[in-house]
Amino acid sequence: MWKSQAGRNVQVTVADDTDDWETDPDFVNDVSEEEQRWGSKTVGSSGHVGSIDLKQLNAEVKDSHAKLKEAELDSQGRASYGYGGKFGVQQDRMDKSAVGADYVGKTELHASQRDAAKGFGGKYGVETDRVDKSA
C-alpha cells in the first residue's frame, strides 16, 4: 500500500450491467466500389475529382517561380553593379584623392631583377656615377 493511501478507505464500484461496445450486426455497407477507391463519403472533398496534367502543373510552377525571382531581384538591386566594365562604375563612391585606373607608377627593379653585368665596361657600359674620383 502506498503511503498516500495509508489510513484511507478507498471504495471502487464496478458497474458491469452495460457493455460499452456496440456489437450488434446492424451495419449496412452502402459504399460503392468507386467511393472505396477514391475517398470517403463522410470526409468532404476527399473524392477523386479528376486527373491533374503534370506537364501543365510543371509549366505553371516554373512561370510563377520565374516571376517571383524576377520581382525579388528587382526589389534588391544588382550585386554586380559598380565593378566597372559592362556592369558600370559608381562614380559617386570613388575616392577623390585616388588616381585613375590608367595611372602607371614608376618602380625600381629589385636587386634580383637588375642586370649584374652592368658597370664592368665594354659592351655592358660604365657606371660613371660610381667611378673613383681620385683615380
N, C-alpha and C. Protein backbone atom coordinates (compact mmCIF):
# COMPACT_ATOMS: atom_id res chain seq x y z
N MET A 1 0.84 -1.18 0.00
CA MET A 1 0.00 0.00 0.00
C MET A 1 0.88 1.24 0.00
N TRP A 2 0.45 2.24 -0.74
CA TRP A 2 1.21 3.48 -0.82
C TRP A 2 1.01 4.31 0.44
N LYS A 3 2.01 5.13 0.73
CA LYS A 3 1.92 5.96 1.92
C LYS A 3 0.80 6.99 1.81
N SER A 4 0.53 7.45 0.58
CA SER A 4 -0.54 8.44 0.42
C SER A 4 -1.91 7.83 0.66
N GLN A 5 -2.01 6.52 0.57
CA GLN A 5 -3.29 5.85 0.77
C GLN A 5 -3.43 5.28 2.18
N ALA A 6 -2.43 5.42 2.98
CA ALA A 6 -2.48 4.85 4.33
C ALA A 6 -3.53 5.58 5.15
N GLY A 7 -4.35 4.86 5.79
CA GLY A 7 -5.38 5.45 6.63
C GLY A 7 -6.61 5.89 5.88
N ARG A 8 -6.72 5.59 4.62
CA ARG A 8 -7.88 5.98 3.82
C ARG A 8 -8.70 4.73 3.50
N ASN A 9 -9.97 4.97 3.35
CA ASN A 9 -10.86 3.89 2.96
C ASN A 9 -11.24 4.12 1.51
N VAL A 10 -10.70 3.34 0.61
CA VAL A 10 -10.92 3.52 -0.82
C VAL A 10 -11.98 2.53 -1.26
N GLN A 11 -13.05 3.05 -1.85
CA GLN A 11 -14.14 2.22 -2.35
C GLN A 11 -14.18 2.31 -3.87
N VAL A 12 -14.14 1.22 -4.58
CA VAL A 12 -14.22 1.18 -6.03
C VAL A 12 -15.47 0.42 -6.39
N THR A 13 -16.33 1.08 -7.18
CA THR A 13 -17.54 0.41 -7.63
C THR A 13 -17.38 0.01 -9.08
N VAL A 14 -17.75 -1.20 -9.40
CA VAL A 14 -17.64 -1.72 -10.75
C VAL A 14 -19.05 -1.97 -11.26
N ALA A 15 -19.38 -1.28 -12.37
CA ALA A 15 -20.69 -1.47 -12.97
C ALA A 15 -20.55 -2.36 -14.18
N ASP A 16 -21.05 -3.55 -14.11
CA ASP A 16 -20.95 -4.47 -15.22
C ASP A 16 -22.31 -4.80 -15.81
N ASP A 17 -23.24 -3.87 -15.63
CA ASP A 17 -24.56 -4.12 -16.17
C ASP A 17 -24.70 -3.70 -17.62
N THR A 18 -23.81 -2.79 -18.13
CA THR A 18 -23.90 -2.35 -19.53
C THR A 18 -22.59 -2.63 -20.24
N ASP A 19 -22.68 -2.84 -21.52
CA ASP A 19 -21.50 -3.07 -22.35
C ASP A 19 -21.25 -1.80 -23.16
N ASP A 20 -20.01 -1.26 -23.14
CA ASP A 20 -19.68 -0.03 -23.84
C ASP A 20 -19.53 -0.23 -25.34
N TRP A 21 -19.30 -1.43 -25.76
CA TRP A 21 -19.04 -1.69 -27.17
C TRP A 21 -20.33 -2.07 -27.89
N GLU A 22 -20.46 -1.51 -29.08
CA GLU A 22 -21.62 -1.84 -29.92
C GLU A 22 -21.29 -3.11 -30.68
N THR A 23 -21.99 -4.15 -30.40
CA THR A 23 -21.70 -5.44 -31.04
C THR A 23 -22.84 -5.95 -31.90
N ASP A 24 -23.86 -5.13 -32.07
CA ASP A 24 -24.99 -5.58 -32.88
C ASP A 24 -24.62 -5.57 -34.35
N PRO A 25 -24.89 -6.61 -35.11
CA PRO A 25 -24.52 -6.66 -36.53
C PRO A 25 -25.55 -5.96 -37.41
N ASP A 26 -25.75 -4.65 -37.19
CA ASP A 26 -26.73 -3.92 -37.98
C ASP A 26 -26.08 -2.96 -38.98
N PHE A 27 -24.77 -3.08 -39.21
CA PHE A 27 -24.07 -2.18 -40.13
C PHE A 27 -24.44 -2.53 -41.57
N VAL A 28 -24.72 -1.48 -42.36
CA VAL A 28 -25.07 -1.67 -43.77
C VAL A 28 -23.97 -1.02 -44.60
N ASN A 29 -23.34 -1.75 -45.48
CA ASN A 29 -22.28 -1.22 -46.35
C ASN A 29 -22.94 -0.60 -47.58
N ASP A 30 -23.04 0.74 -47.55
CA ASP A 30 -23.66 1.45 -48.67
C ASP A 30 -22.64 2.23 -49.49
N VAL A 31 -21.37 1.83 -49.45
CA VAL A 31 -20.29 2.50 -50.18
C VAL A 31 -20.02 1.71 -51.45
N SER A 32 -20.03 2.43 -52.56
CA SER A 32 -19.77 1.76 -53.84
C SER A 32 -18.28 1.47 -54.00
N GLU A 33 -17.94 0.72 -55.03
CA GLU A 33 -16.54 0.40 -55.28
C GLU A 33 -15.72 1.65 -55.61
N GLU A 34 -16.32 2.56 -56.37
CA GLU A 34 -15.63 3.80 -56.73
C GLU A 34 -15.37 4.66 -55.50
N GLU A 35 -16.33 4.75 -54.61
CA GLU A 35 -16.14 5.51 -53.39
C GLU A 35 -15.10 4.87 -52.49
N GLN A 36 -15.03 3.56 -52.51
CA GLN A 36 -13.99 2.88 -51.73
C GLN A 36 -12.60 3.21 -52.25
N ARG A 37 -12.47 3.34 -53.56
CA ARG A 37 -11.15 3.62 -54.15
C ARG A 37 -10.74 5.08 -54.00
N TRP A 38 -11.69 5.99 -54.18
CA TRP A 38 -11.31 7.39 -54.33
C TRP A 38 -11.62 8.28 -53.14
N GLY A 39 -12.27 7.81 -52.13
CA GLY A 39 -12.45 8.69 -50.99
C GLY A 39 -13.61 8.29 -50.12
N SER A 40 -13.79 9.03 -49.08
CA SER A 40 -14.79 8.74 -48.08
C SER A 40 -16.05 9.56 -48.32
N LYS A 41 -17.20 9.02 -47.94
CA LYS A 41 -18.44 9.78 -48.03
C LYS A 41 -18.53 10.78 -46.89
N THR A 42 -17.92 10.47 -45.78
CA THR A 42 -18.04 11.32 -44.60
C THR A 42 -17.05 12.46 -44.58
N VAL A 43 -15.93 12.35 -45.28
CA VAL A 43 -14.92 13.41 -45.32
C VAL A 43 -15.11 14.21 -46.59
N GLY A 44 -15.34 15.50 -46.44
CA GLY A 44 -15.59 16.34 -47.61
C GLY A 44 -14.36 16.53 -48.47
N SER A 45 -14.56 16.68 -49.74
CA SER A 45 -13.52 16.91 -50.77
C SER A 45 -12.44 15.83 -50.77
N SER A 46 -12.79 14.63 -50.36
CA SER A 46 -11.80 13.55 -50.39
C SER A 46 -11.94 12.67 -51.62
N GLY A 47 -12.96 12.91 -52.42
CA GLY A 47 -13.19 12.07 -53.59
C GLY A 47 -12.28 12.44 -54.74
N HIS A 48 -12.18 11.55 -55.68
CA HIS A 48 -11.37 11.76 -56.88
C HIS A 48 -12.15 12.64 -57.84
N VAL A 49 -11.65 13.88 -58.07
CA VAL A 49 -12.37 14.81 -58.93
C VAL A 49 -11.87 14.78 -60.36
N GLY A 50 -10.69 14.34 -60.61
CA GLY A 50 -10.16 14.26 -61.95
C GLY A 50 -8.64 14.19 -61.92
N SER A 51 -8.05 13.86 -63.04
CA SER A 51 -6.60 13.75 -63.12
C SER A 51 -5.98 15.12 -63.30
N ILE A 52 -4.77 15.26 -62.83
CA ILE A 52 -4.01 16.51 -62.95
C ILE A 52 -3.00 16.34 -64.07
N ASP A 53 -2.93 17.33 -64.94
CA ASP A 53 -1.94 17.32 -66.01
C ASP A 53 -0.62 17.79 -65.42
N LEU A 54 0.31 16.88 -65.24
CA LEU A 54 1.57 17.21 -64.58
C LEU A 54 2.45 18.13 -65.41
N LYS A 55 2.39 18.02 -66.73
CA LYS A 55 3.18 18.92 -67.57
C LYS A 55 2.69 20.35 -67.43
N GLN A 56 1.38 20.52 -67.39
CA GLN A 56 0.81 21.85 -67.22
C GLN A 56 1.15 22.40 -65.82
N LEU A 57 1.05 21.56 -64.82
CA LEU A 57 1.39 21.98 -63.46
C LEU A 57 2.85 22.39 -63.37
N ASN A 58 3.74 21.61 -64.00
CA ASN A 58 5.17 21.93 -64.01
C ASN A 58 5.43 23.26 -64.69
N ALA A 59 4.78 23.52 -65.82
CA ALA A 59 4.96 24.79 -66.54
C ALA A 59 4.45 25.96 -65.71
N GLU A 60 3.33 25.79 -65.04
CA GLU A 60 2.79 26.87 -64.21
C GLU A 60 3.71 27.17 -63.03
N VAL A 61 4.27 26.15 -62.43
CA VAL A 61 5.19 26.35 -61.31
C VAL A 61 6.45 27.07 -61.78
N LYS A 62 6.98 26.68 -62.94
CA LYS A 62 8.18 27.35 -63.48
C LYS A 62 7.91 28.82 -63.76
N ASP A 63 6.76 29.12 -64.36
CA ASP A 63 6.43 30.51 -64.67
C ASP A 63 6.27 31.34 -63.40
N SER A 64 5.55 30.81 -62.44
CA SER A 64 5.34 31.57 -61.21
C SER A 64 6.65 31.76 -60.45
N HIS A 65 7.52 30.75 -60.47
CA HIS A 65 8.81 30.88 -59.79
C HIS A 65 9.70 31.92 -60.48
N ALA A 66 9.69 31.93 -61.82
CA ALA A 66 10.49 32.91 -62.55
C ALA A 66 10.00 34.32 -62.27
N LYS A 67 8.69 34.52 -62.23
CA LYS A 67 8.15 35.85 -61.92
C LYS A 67 8.49 36.27 -60.50
N LEU A 68 8.42 35.35 -59.57
CA LEU A 68 8.75 35.65 -58.19
C LEU A 68 10.21 36.04 -58.04
N LYS A 69 11.12 35.29 -58.67
CA LYS A 69 12.55 35.59 -58.58
C LYS A 69 12.88 36.92 -59.26
N GLU A 70 12.23 37.21 -60.38
CA GLU A 70 12.47 38.47 -61.08
C GLU A 70 12.03 39.65 -60.22
N ALA A 71 10.88 39.54 -59.58
CA ALA A 71 10.40 40.60 -58.70
C ALA A 71 11.33 40.77 -57.50
N GLU A 72 11.85 39.67 -56.99
CA GLU A 72 12.76 39.72 -55.85
C GLU A 72 14.07 40.40 -56.24
N LEU A 73 14.61 40.09 -57.42
CA LEU A 73 15.85 40.73 -57.87
C LEU A 73 15.65 42.21 -58.13
N ASP A 74 14.51 42.58 -58.69
CA ASP A 74 14.25 43.99 -58.95
C ASP A 74 14.15 44.79 -57.66
N SER A 75 13.61 44.19 -56.63
CA SER A 75 13.48 44.91 -55.37
C SER A 75 14.81 45.03 -54.64
N GLN A 76 15.74 44.11 -54.86
CA GLN A 76 17.01 44.11 -54.14
C GLN A 76 18.10 44.88 -54.86
N GLY A 77 18.02 45.07 -56.13
CA GLY A 77 19.11 45.70 -56.87
C GLY A 77 20.09 44.66 -57.36
N ARG A 78 21.06 45.09 -58.13
CA ARG A 78 22.03 44.17 -58.72
C ARG A 78 23.32 44.17 -57.90
N ALA A 79 23.81 43.00 -57.57
CA ALA A 79 25.05 42.88 -56.80
C ALA A 79 26.27 43.20 -57.67
N SER A 80 26.16 43.02 -58.98
CA SER A 80 27.32 43.21 -59.85
C SER A 80 27.53 44.68 -60.22
N TYR A 81 26.57 45.54 -59.93
CA TYR A 81 26.69 46.95 -60.32
C TYR A 81 27.81 47.61 -59.53
N GLY A 82 28.66 48.37 -60.21
CA GLY A 82 29.69 49.13 -59.54
C GLY A 82 31.09 48.58 -59.70
N TYR A 83 31.25 47.46 -60.39
CA TYR A 83 32.57 46.87 -60.53
C TYR A 83 33.24 47.24 -61.85
N GLY A 84 32.62 48.07 -62.64
CA GLY A 84 33.22 48.50 -63.89
C GLY A 84 32.90 47.57 -65.04
N GLY A 85 33.38 47.92 -66.21
CA GLY A 85 33.13 47.10 -67.39
C GLY A 85 31.68 47.17 -67.78
N LYS A 86 31.10 46.04 -68.13
CA LYS A 86 29.71 46.01 -68.56
C LYS A 86 28.75 46.27 -67.41
N PHE A 87 29.23 46.19 -66.16
CA PHE A 87 28.36 46.40 -65.01
C PHE A 87 28.22 47.87 -64.63
N GLY A 88 29.10 48.74 -65.14
CA GLY A 88 29.03 50.15 -64.81
C GLY A 88 29.89 50.48 -63.60
N VAL A 89 30.27 51.75 -63.49
CA VAL A 89 31.13 52.21 -62.41
C VAL A 89 30.34 53.19 -61.56
N GLN A 90 30.44 53.08 -60.26
CA GLN A 90 29.76 54.01 -59.36
C GLN A 90 30.68 55.21 -59.15
N GLN A 91 30.44 56.28 -59.89
CA GLN A 91 31.30 57.46 -59.81
C GLN A 91 31.16 58.17 -58.47
N ASP A 92 30.00 58.12 -57.86
CA ASP A 92 29.79 58.82 -56.60
C ASP A 92 30.52 58.18 -55.43
N ARG A 93 30.98 56.95 -55.58
CA ARG A 93 31.64 56.25 -54.48
C ARG A 93 33.15 56.14 -54.69
N MET A 94 33.67 56.78 -55.71
CA MET A 94 35.11 56.71 -55.95
C MET A 94 35.86 57.65 -55.01
N ASP A 95 37.05 57.25 -54.61
CA ASP A 95 37.89 58.07 -53.74
C ASP A 95 38.39 59.27 -54.53
N LYS A 96 38.18 60.47 -54.00
CA LYS A 96 38.55 61.70 -54.73
C LYS A 96 40.07 61.87 -54.81
N SER A 97 40.80 61.35 -53.83
CA SER A 97 42.25 61.51 -53.84
C SER A 97 42.97 60.43 -54.63
N ALA A 98 42.26 59.42 -55.07
CA ALA A 98 42.89 58.32 -55.80
C ALA A 98 43.11 58.71 -57.26
N VAL A 99 44.15 58.16 -57.85
CA VAL A 99 44.41 58.38 -59.26
C VAL A 99 43.55 57.43 -60.08
N GLY A 100 43.44 57.67 -61.36
CA GLY A 100 42.61 56.84 -62.23
C GLY A 100 43.22 55.48 -62.49
N ALA A 101 42.48 54.66 -63.18
CA ALA A 101 42.94 53.31 -63.48
C ALA A 101 44.02 53.31 -64.55
N ASP A 102 44.19 54.42 -65.28
CA ASP A 102 45.20 54.50 -66.33
C ASP A 102 46.57 54.91 -65.79
N TYR A 103 46.69 55.20 -64.50
CA TYR A 103 47.96 55.61 -63.90
C TYR A 103 48.91 54.43 -63.80
N VAL A 104 50.16 54.63 -64.22
CA VAL A 104 51.20 53.61 -64.10
C VAL A 104 52.34 54.24 -63.30
N GLY A 105 52.58 53.74 -62.11
CA GLY A 105 53.63 54.28 -61.26
C GLY A 105 55.00 53.74 -61.64
N LYS A 106 56.05 54.53 -61.37
CA LYS A 106 57.43 54.11 -61.66
C LYS A 106 57.99 53.42 -60.44
N THR A 107 58.47 52.24 -60.61
CA THR A 107 59.06 51.48 -59.52
C THR A 107 60.45 51.04 -59.93
N GLU A 108 61.33 50.95 -58.93
CA GLU A 108 62.69 50.48 -59.21
C GLU A 108 62.70 48.96 -59.23
N LEU A 109 63.63 48.42 -59.98
CA LEU A 109 63.77 46.97 -60.03
C LEU A 109 64.36 46.46 -58.74
N HIS A 110 63.98 45.29 -58.37
CA HIS A 110 64.55 44.62 -57.21
C HIS A 110 65.98 44.23 -57.54
N ALA A 111 66.81 44.02 -56.53
CA ALA A 111 68.21 43.67 -56.73
C ALA A 111 68.34 42.38 -57.54
N SER A 112 67.40 41.48 -57.40
CA SER A 112 67.49 40.23 -58.14
C SER A 112 67.06 40.40 -59.60
N GLN A 113 66.43 41.54 -59.92
CA GLN A 113 65.98 41.77 -61.29
C GLN A 113 66.95 42.64 -62.09
N ARG A 114 67.96 43.21 -61.45
CA ARG A 114 68.90 44.10 -62.14
C ARG A 114 69.92 43.30 -62.94
N ASP A 115 70.49 43.95 -63.94
CA ASP A 115 71.50 43.30 -64.78
C ASP A 115 72.83 43.31 -64.03
N ALA A 116 73.31 42.14 -63.68
CA ALA A 116 74.54 42.05 -62.89
C ALA A 116 75.77 42.41 -63.71
N ALA A 117 75.71 42.35 -65.04
CA ALA A 117 76.88 42.63 -65.87
C ALA A 117 77.09 44.12 -66.07
N LYS A 118 76.12 44.95 -65.68
CA LYS A 118 76.21 46.40 -65.91
C LYS A 118 77.33 46.99 -65.05
N GLY A 119 78.06 47.86 -65.62
CA GLY A 119 79.08 48.57 -64.86
C GLY A 119 80.48 48.04 -65.00
N PHE A 120 80.70 46.99 -65.78
CA PHE A 120 82.03 46.43 -65.92
C PHE A 120 82.75 46.94 -67.16
N GLY A 121 82.16 47.88 -67.88
CA GLY A 121 82.80 48.43 -69.07
C GLY A 121 82.53 47.58 -70.29
N GLY A 122 83.09 48.00 -71.42
CA GLY A 122 82.91 47.27 -72.66
C GLY A 122 81.48 47.38 -73.14
N LYS A 123 80.98 46.29 -73.61
CA LYS A 123 79.62 46.31 -74.15
C LYS A 123 78.56 46.51 -73.06
N TYR A 124 78.94 46.30 -71.78
CA TYR A 124 77.98 46.46 -70.70
C TYR A 124 77.84 47.90 -70.24
N GLY A 125 78.75 48.76 -70.59
CA GLY A 125 78.69 50.16 -70.17
C GLY A 125 79.42 50.38 -68.86
N VAL A 126 79.66 51.63 -68.56
CA VAL A 126 80.39 52.01 -67.36
C VAL A 126 79.47 52.87 -66.51
N GLU A 127 79.46 52.60 -65.23
CA GLU A 127 78.67 53.42 -64.31
C GLU A 127 79.51 54.62 -63.93
N THR A 128 79.21 55.75 -64.53
CA THR A 128 80.03 56.94 -64.31
C THR A 128 79.78 57.54 -62.95
N ASP A 129 78.69 57.31 -62.35
CA ASP A 129 78.43 57.87 -61.02
C ASP A 129 79.21 57.15 -59.93
N ARG A 130 79.77 55.99 -60.24
CA ARG A 130 80.50 55.22 -59.23
C ARG A 130 82.01 55.15 -59.53
N VAL A 131 82.45 55.98 -60.43
CA VAL A 131 83.87 55.99 -60.75
C VAL A 131 84.62 56.67 -59.60
N ASP A 132 85.78 56.11 -59.25
CA ASP A 132 86.57 56.67 -58.17
C ASP A 132 87.06 58.07 -58.59
N LYS A 133 86.78 59.06 -57.78
CA LYS A 133 87.12 60.44 -58.12
C LYS A 133 88.64 60.70 -58.07
N SER A 134 89.32 59.94 -57.27
CA SER A 134 90.76 60.16 -57.13
C SER A 134 91.55 59.47 -58.22
N ALA A 135 90.94 58.59 -58.98
CA ALA A 135 91.68 57.85 -59.96
C ALA A 135 91.87 58.63 -61.24
